[in-house]
Amino acid sequence: LLPDLLAALSEISSDSDIMEKCKVRPIVSCCGSPTERLAWICTHVLSPVLEQIPSHLQNIHGHLEDLAKLSPEQLKGWKFCTADVTSLYTNIDIQGCVENVMELASEHRDKLKLYGLELRDIHEMLEYVFGKAYFT
């Protein structure tokens, strides 16, 4: 199967001969893919457990708002950094990731709306979605 959309995110460098050395990272849209609806169901069912993960960032705006609430005294001694990860999605241990997600879902099952599904159904869907994604 071919993705519906293939775009490229350029990595601009300071080289003068930019066209010859221009690097790009592919961005693949899975919209319209065979696994899109299964992935949506998994996301919709499992999203409530994200609130149980203290390090989860909903989005950058919420993170910046939280940082803005801190006083200069609270920020003293802190160092901030960013990191760029090469091939993040293709280097994830999918089975380990699925097992961790399912363990968290089991611990917080009372917070999940399963729509008549069982956790084993969600487990199978996650394995299928991650196993058949364009990134794998």
N, C-alpha and C. Protein backbone atom coordinates (compact mmCIF):
# COMPACT_ATOMS: atom_id res chain seq x y z
N LEU A 1 0.83 -1.19 0.00
CA LEU A 1 0.00 0.00 0.00
C LEU A 1 0.87 1.24 0.00
N LEU A 2 0.45 2.23 -0.73
CA LEU A 2 1.16 3.49 -0.76
C LEU A 2 0.42 4.51 0.08
N PRO A 3 1.13 5.38 0.76
CA PRO A 3 0.46 6.40 1.57
C PRO A 3 -0.31 7.36 0.67
N ASP A 4 -1.39 7.93 1.24
CA ASP A 4 -2.17 8.91 0.49
C ASP A 4 -1.39 10.18 0.25
N LEU A 5 -0.49 10.50 1.16
CA LEU A 5 0.25 11.74 1.07
C LEU A 5 1.67 11.50 1.53
N LEU A 6 2.62 11.95 0.77
CA LEU A 6 4.02 11.90 1.19
C LEU A 6 4.56 13.31 1.06
N ALA A 7 4.97 13.87 2.17
CA ALA A 7 5.54 15.21 2.18
C ALA A 7 6.95 15.10 2.71
N ALA A 8 7.69 16.17 2.65
CA ALA A 8 9.06 16.15 3.15
C ALA A 8 9.29 17.38 4.01
N LEU A 9 9.93 17.19 5.13
CA LEU A 9 10.32 18.27 6.02
C LEU A 9 11.81 18.49 5.80
N SER A 10 12.14 19.69 5.34
CA SER A 10 13.54 19.94 5.01
C SER A 10 14.36 20.21 6.25
N GLU A 11 15.60 19.81 6.18
CA GLU A 11 16.58 20.07 7.23
C GLU A 11 17.58 21.04 6.64
N ILE A 12 17.42 22.31 6.92
CA ILE A 12 18.24 23.35 6.32
C ILE A 12 19.58 23.43 7.06
N SER A 13 20.63 23.48 6.30
CA SER A 13 21.96 23.64 6.90
C SER A 13 22.54 24.97 6.46
N SER A 14 23.73 25.29 6.94
CA SER A 14 24.34 26.56 6.60
C SER A 14 25.26 26.46 5.39
N ASP A 15 25.28 25.31 4.73
CA ASP A 15 26.13 25.14 3.56
C ASP A 15 25.70 26.07 2.44
N SER A 16 26.67 26.58 1.68
CA SER A 16 26.35 27.45 0.56
C SER A 16 25.75 26.67 -0.60
N ASP A 17 26.14 25.42 -0.77
CA ASP A 17 25.63 24.60 -1.85
C ASP A 17 24.44 23.78 -1.33
N ILE A 18 23.41 24.50 -0.92
CA ILE A 18 22.29 23.89 -0.21
C ILE A 18 21.52 22.89 -1.06
N MET A 19 21.32 23.16 -2.33
CA MET A 19 20.51 22.28 -3.16
C MET A 19 21.14 20.89 -3.32
N GLU A 20 22.45 20.86 -3.34
CA GLU A 20 23.15 19.59 -3.51
C GLU A 20 23.16 18.77 -2.24
N LYS A 21 23.16 19.45 -1.09
CA LYS A 21 23.28 18.77 0.19
C LYS A 21 22.00 18.81 1.02
N CYS A 22 20.91 19.21 0.42
CA CYS A 22 19.65 19.34 1.14
C CYS A 22 19.16 17.96 1.59
N LYS A 23 18.90 17.83 2.88
CA LYS A 23 18.39 16.58 3.43
C LYS A 23 16.91 16.77 3.74
N VAL A 24 16.15 15.71 3.60
CA VAL A 24 14.74 15.78 3.97
C VAL A 24 14.36 14.54 4.77
N ARG A 25 13.35 14.71 5.60
CA ARG A 25 12.77 13.59 6.33
C ARG A 25 11.38 13.37 5.78
N PRO A 26 11.01 12.14 5.44
CA PRO A 26 9.67 11.91 4.92
C PRO A 26 8.63 12.02 6.03
N ILE A 27 7.52 12.65 5.72
CA ILE A 27 6.38 12.73 6.61
C ILE A 27 5.26 11.97 5.91
N VAL A 28 4.81 10.89 6.49
CA VAL A 28 3.81 10.04 5.85
C VAL A 28 2.47 10.20 6.56
N SER A 29 1.46 10.55 5.80
CA SER A 29 0.12 10.64 6.36
C SER A 29 -0.54 9.27 6.29
N CYS A 30 -1.06 8.82 7.41
CA CYS A 30 -1.78 7.54 7.43
C CYS A 30 -3.27 7.75 7.29
N CYS A 31 -3.68 8.99 7.03
CA CYS A 31 -5.11 9.25 6.83
C CYS A 31 -5.59 8.47 5.62
N GLY A 32 -6.68 7.79 5.78
CA GLY A 32 -7.22 6.99 4.70
C GLY A 32 -6.58 5.62 4.59
N SER A 33 -5.65 5.31 5.49
CA SER A 33 -4.98 4.00 5.45
C SER A 33 -5.92 2.93 6.00
N PRO A 34 -5.63 1.67 5.74
CA PRO A 34 -6.48 0.59 6.26
C PRO A 34 -6.55 0.54 7.78
N THR A 35 -5.56 1.08 8.47
CA THR A 35 -5.56 1.00 9.94
C THR A 35 -6.04 2.28 10.61
N GLU A 36 -6.43 3.28 9.83
CA GLU A 36 -6.79 4.58 10.41
C GLU A 36 -7.93 4.47 11.42
N ARG A 37 -8.99 3.78 11.10
CA ARG A 37 -10.14 3.71 12.01
C ARG A 37 -9.84 2.89 13.27
N LEU A 38 -9.07 1.82 13.11
CA LEU A 38 -8.67 1.05 14.29
C LEU A 38 -7.80 1.90 15.21
N ALA A 39 -6.90 2.68 14.62
CA ALA A 39 -6.03 3.55 15.41
C ALA A 39 -6.87 4.60 16.14
N TRP A 40 -7.90 5.12 15.47
CA TRP A 40 -8.78 6.11 16.10
C TRP A 40 -9.47 5.51 17.31
N ILE A 41 -9.99 4.28 17.17
CA ILE A 41 -10.66 3.62 18.30
C ILE A 41 -9.69 3.45 19.46
N CYS A 42 -8.49 2.95 19.17
CA CYS A 42 -7.49 2.76 20.24
C CYS A 42 -7.17 4.07 20.93
N THR A 43 -6.98 5.12 20.15
CA THR A 43 -6.68 6.44 20.71
C THR A 43 -7.82 6.93 21.58
N HIS A 44 -9.05 6.80 21.08
CA HIS A 44 -10.22 7.28 21.81
C HIS A 44 -10.41 6.51 23.12
N VAL A 45 -10.21 5.22 23.10
CA VAL A 45 -10.39 4.40 24.30
C VAL A 45 -9.26 4.64 25.31
N LEU A 46 -8.02 4.74 24.84
CA LEU A 46 -6.87 4.79 25.74
C LEU A 46 -6.46 6.18 26.20
N SER A 47 -6.94 7.23 25.55
CA SER A 47 -6.52 8.59 25.92
C SER A 47 -6.69 8.94 27.39
N PRO A 48 -7.77 8.50 28.06
CA PRO A 48 -7.90 8.85 29.48
C PRO A 48 -6.75 8.39 30.37
N VAL A 49 -6.03 7.35 30.01
CA VAL A 49 -4.94 6.90 30.87
C VAL A 49 -3.72 7.82 30.79
N LEU A 50 -3.67 8.68 29.77
CA LEU A 50 -2.55 9.62 29.67
C LEU A 50 -2.50 10.56 30.87
N GLU A 51 -3.67 10.84 31.46
CA GLU A 51 -3.72 11.71 32.64
C GLU A 51 -2.99 11.08 33.83
N GLN A 52 -2.74 9.79 33.78
CA GLN A 52 -2.07 9.07 34.87
C GLN A 52 -0.55 9.12 34.73
N ILE A 53 -0.05 9.71 33.66
CA ILE A 53 1.39 9.77 33.41
C ILE A 53 1.87 11.19 33.70
N PRO A 54 2.59 11.38 34.80
CA PRO A 54 3.00 12.74 35.20
C PRO A 54 3.84 13.47 34.15
N SER A 55 4.60 12.74 33.36
CA SER A 55 5.49 13.39 32.40
C SER A 55 4.81 13.65 31.04
N HIS A 56 3.54 13.25 30.90
CA HIS A 56 2.86 13.44 29.61
C HIS A 56 2.58 14.92 29.37
N LEU A 57 2.96 15.40 28.20
CA LEU A 57 2.66 16.77 27.79
C LEU A 57 1.50 16.73 26.80
N GLN A 58 0.39 17.33 27.17
CA GLN A 58 -0.77 17.37 26.27
C GLN A 58 -0.40 18.11 24.99
N ASN A 59 0.27 19.25 25.16
CA ASN A 59 0.75 20.02 24.02
C ASN A 59 1.77 21.04 24.53
N ILE A 60 2.46 21.66 23.65
CA ILE A 60 3.51 22.60 24.05
C ILE A 60 2.94 23.84 24.74
N HIS A 61 1.72 24.21 24.37
CA HIS A 61 1.12 25.42 24.95
C HIS A 61 0.85 25.22 26.45
N GLY A 62 0.31 24.07 26.82
CA GLY A 62 0.08 23.79 28.23
C GLY A 62 1.39 23.74 29.01
N HIS A 63 2.41 23.18 28.39
CA HIS A 63 3.73 23.10 29.03
C HIS A 63 4.28 24.50 29.28
N LEU A 64 4.17 25.37 28.29
CA LEU A 64 4.65 26.75 28.44
C LEU A 64 3.86 27.50 29.49
N GLU A 65 2.55 27.26 29.56
CA GLU A 65 1.73 27.90 30.59
C GLU A 65 2.17 27.45 31.98
N ASP A 66 2.45 26.16 32.14
CA ASP A 66 2.92 25.65 33.43
C ASP A 66 4.26 26.27 33.81
N LEU A 67 5.15 26.40 32.85
CA LEU A 67 6.46 27.02 33.12
C LEU A 67 6.31 28.49 33.49
N ALA A 68 5.38 29.19 32.83
CA ALA A 68 5.17 30.62 33.09
C ALA A 68 4.66 30.87 34.51
N LYS A 69 4.02 29.88 35.12
CA LYS A 69 3.49 30.01 36.49
C LYS A 69 4.59 29.90 37.54
N LEU A 70 5.75 29.40 37.15
CA LEU A 70 6.84 29.23 38.11
C LEU A 70 7.56 30.55 38.35
N SER A 71 7.94 30.78 39.58
CA SER A 71 8.67 32.01 39.91
C SER A 71 10.13 31.87 39.52
N PRO A 72 10.84 33.00 39.39
CA PRO A 72 12.27 32.92 39.09
C PRO A 72 13.05 32.09 40.11
N GLU A 73 12.60 32.14 41.36
CA GLU A 73 13.27 31.36 42.40
C GLU A 73 13.10 29.85 42.15
N GLN A 74 11.90 29.47 41.70
CA GLN A 74 11.66 28.05 41.42
C GLN A 74 12.45 27.57 40.20
N LEU A 75 12.73 28.47 39.27
CA LEU A 75 13.46 28.12 38.05
C LEU A 75 14.97 28.15 38.24
N LYS A 76 15.43 28.74 39.33
CA LYS A 76 16.87 28.88 39.57
C LYS A 76 17.53 27.51 39.58
N GLY A 77 18.58 27.39 38.79
CA GLY A 77 19.34 26.15 38.71
C GLY A 77 18.81 25.15 37.68
N TRP A 78 17.67 25.45 37.09
CA TRP A 78 17.12 24.56 36.06
C TRP A 78 17.83 24.80 34.74
N LYS A 79 17.96 23.77 33.96
CA LYS A 79 18.51 23.88 32.61
C LYS A 79 17.49 23.29 31.65
N PHE A 80 17.28 23.96 30.55
CA PHE A 80 16.32 23.49 29.57
C PHE A 80 17.05 23.10 28.30
N CYS A 81 16.57 22.06 27.66
CA CYS A 81 17.18 21.62 26.42
C CYS A 81 16.12 20.96 25.55
N THR A 82 16.45 20.80 24.30
CA THR A 82 15.59 20.07 23.38
C THR A 82 16.43 18.97 22.75
N ALA A 83 15.76 18.03 22.17
CA ALA A 83 16.47 16.93 21.53
C ALA A 83 15.75 16.56 20.25
N ASP A 84 16.51 16.21 19.25
CA ASP A 84 15.95 15.72 18.00
C ASP A 84 16.31 14.24 17.93
N VAL A 85 15.33 13.42 17.69
CA VAL A 85 15.54 11.97 17.67
C VAL A 85 15.48 11.49 16.23
N THR A 86 16.48 10.74 15.83
CA THR A 86 16.52 10.20 14.48
C THR A 86 15.68 8.94 14.40
N SER A 87 14.79 8.90 13.46
CA SER A 87 13.96 7.71 13.20
C SER A 87 13.25 7.21 14.44
N LEU A 88 12.63 8.11 15.18
CA LEU A 88 11.98 7.74 16.43
C LEU A 88 10.97 6.62 16.23
N TYR A 89 10.07 6.77 15.28
CA TYR A 89 8.99 5.79 15.14
C TYR A 89 9.47 4.44 14.62
N THR A 90 10.53 4.42 13.88
CA THR A 90 11.02 3.14 13.38
C THR A 90 11.96 2.44 14.36
N ASN A 91 12.30 3.10 15.47
CA ASN A 91 13.20 2.51 16.46
C ASN A 91 12.50 2.14 17.76
N ILE A 92 11.20 2.29 17.82
CA ILE A 92 10.46 1.94 19.03
C ILE A 92 10.25 0.43 19.08
N ASP A 93 10.45 -0.13 20.26
CA ASP A 93 10.15 -1.54 20.49
C ASP A 93 8.63 -1.66 20.57
N ILE A 94 8.01 -2.02 19.46
CA ILE A 94 6.55 -2.02 19.37
C ILE A 94 5.93 -2.96 20.39
N GLN A 95 6.43 -4.17 20.51
CA GLN A 95 5.84 -5.12 21.45
C GLN A 95 5.94 -4.62 22.88
N GLY A 96 7.10 -4.07 23.23
CA GLY A 96 7.27 -3.51 24.57
C GLY A 96 6.35 -2.33 24.82
N CYS A 97 6.20 -1.50 23.82
CA CYS A 97 5.31 -0.35 23.92
C CYS A 97 3.87 -0.80 24.13
N VAL A 98 3.42 -1.75 23.34
CA VAL A 98 2.05 -2.26 23.47
C VAL A 98 1.84 -2.86 24.85
N GLU A 99 2.81 -3.63 25.34
CA GLU A 99 2.68 -4.25 26.66
C GLU A 99 2.59 -3.18 27.75
N ASN A 100 3.41 -2.12 27.65
CA ASN A 100 3.37 -1.04 28.64
C ASN A 100 2.03 -0.32 28.63
N VAL A 101 1.52 -0.06 27.43
CA VAL A 101 0.22 0.62 27.31
C VAL A 101 -0.88 -0.25 27.91
N MET A 102 -0.84 -1.53 27.63
CA MET A 102 -1.87 -2.43 28.14
C MET A 102 -1.78 -2.61 29.65
N GLU A 103 -0.58 -2.59 30.19
CA GLU A 103 -0.42 -2.66 31.65
C GLU A 103 -1.04 -1.42 32.30
N LEU A 104 -0.77 -0.26 31.73
CA LEU A 104 -1.35 0.98 32.25
C LEU A 104 -2.87 0.97 32.10
N ALA A 105 -3.37 0.47 30.97
CA ALA A 105 -4.82 0.38 30.75
C ALA A 105 -5.46 -0.56 31.77
N SER A 106 -4.79 -1.66 32.09
CA SER A 106 -5.33 -2.60 33.09
C SER A 106 -5.40 -1.94 34.47
N GLU A 107 -4.35 -1.20 34.82
CA GLU A 107 -4.32 -0.54 36.12
C GLU A 107 -5.41 0.51 36.27
N HIS A 108 -5.80 1.13 35.16
CA HIS A 108 -6.78 2.23 35.19
C HIS A 108 -8.02 1.91 34.37
N ARG A 109 -8.37 0.64 34.34
CA ARG A 109 -9.52 0.19 33.55
C ARG A 109 -10.79 0.94 33.89
N ASP A 110 -10.95 1.34 35.15
CA ASP A 110 -12.15 2.04 35.59
C ASP A 110 -12.31 3.41 34.94
N LYS A 111 -11.24 3.95 34.37
CA LYS A 111 -11.29 5.26 33.71
C LYS A 111 -11.55 5.15 32.20
N LEU A 112 -11.63 3.91 31.70
CA LEU A 112 -11.78 3.69 30.26
C LEU A 112 -13.22 3.41 29.88
N LYS A 113 -13.63 3.96 28.76
CA LYS A 113 -14.92 3.63 28.16
C LYS A 113 -14.60 2.69 27.00
N LEU A 114 -14.92 1.43 27.16
CA LEU A 114 -14.51 0.40 26.19
C LEU A 114 -15.53 0.11 25.09
N TYR A 115 -16.71 0.68 25.18
CA TYR A 115 -17.74 0.51 24.13
C TYR A 115 -18.00 -0.97 23.84
N GLY A 116 -18.05 -1.78 24.87
CA GLY A 116 -18.34 -3.20 24.70
C GLY A 116 -17.14 -4.06 24.35
N LEU A 117 -16.00 -3.43 24.16
CA LEU A 117 -14.78 -4.18 23.85
C LEU A 117 -14.12 -4.63 25.15
N GLU A 118 -13.26 -5.60 25.05
CA GLU A 118 -12.44 -6.04 26.18
C GLU A 118 -11.03 -5.51 25.97
N LEU A 119 -10.25 -5.47 27.03
CA LEU A 119 -8.85 -5.02 26.90
C LEU A 119 -8.07 -5.90 25.94
N ARG A 120 -8.38 -7.19 25.89
CA ARG A 120 -7.66 -8.06 24.94
C ARG A 120 -7.96 -7.65 23.49
N ASP A 121 -9.18 -7.11 23.23
CA ASP A 121 -9.51 -6.60 21.89
C ASP A 121 -8.64 -5.39 21.55
N ILE A 122 -8.52 -4.49 22.52
CA ILE A 122 -7.67 -3.30 22.32
C ILE A 122 -6.23 -3.73 22.10
N HIS A 123 -5.77 -4.71 22.86
CA HIS A 123 -4.42 -5.25 22.71
C HIS A 123 -4.19 -5.75 21.28
N GLU A 124 -5.11 -6.54 20.78
CA GLU A 124 -4.99 -7.06 19.42
C GLU A 124 -5.01 -5.94 18.38
N MET A 125 -5.87 -4.94 18.59
CA MET A 125 -5.93 -3.82 17.65
C MET A 125 -4.62 -3.03 17.65
N LEU A 126 -4.06 -2.80 18.83
CA LEU A 126 -2.78 -2.08 18.90
C LEU A 126 -1.68 -2.84 18.16
N GLU A 127 -1.60 -4.13 18.38
CA GLU A 127 -0.58 -4.92 17.69
C GLU A 127 -0.77 -4.87 16.17
N TYR A 128 -2.01 -4.93 15.73
CA TYR A 128 -2.28 -4.89 14.29
C TYR A 128 -1.94 -3.51 13.72
N VAL A 129 -2.42 -2.46 14.40
CA VAL A 129 -2.18 -1.09 13.91
C VAL A 129 -0.68 -0.80 13.83
N PHE A 130 0.05 -1.10 14.92
CA PHE A 130 1.48 -0.82 14.91
C PHE A 130 2.25 -1.74 13.97
N GLY A 131 1.78 -2.95 13.79
CA GLY A 131 2.44 -3.88 12.89
C GLY A 131 2.21 -3.61 11.43
N LYS A 132 1.13 -2.90 11.12
CA LYS A 132 0.79 -2.63 9.72
C LYS A 132 0.93 -1.17 9.34
N ALA A 133 1.46 -0.34 10.24
CA ALA A 133 1.62 1.07 9.96
C ALA A 133 2.69 1.31 8.91
N TYR A 134 2.63 2.45 8.26
CA TYR A 134 3.61 2.78 7.22
C TYR A 134 5.03 2.90 7.77
N PHE A 135 5.16 3.19 9.08
CA PHE A 135 6.47 3.38 9.68
C PHE A 135 7.17 2.08 9.98
N THR A 136 6.46 0.94 9.98
CA THR A 136 7.08 -0.32 10.39
C THR A 136 7.58 -1.10 9.21
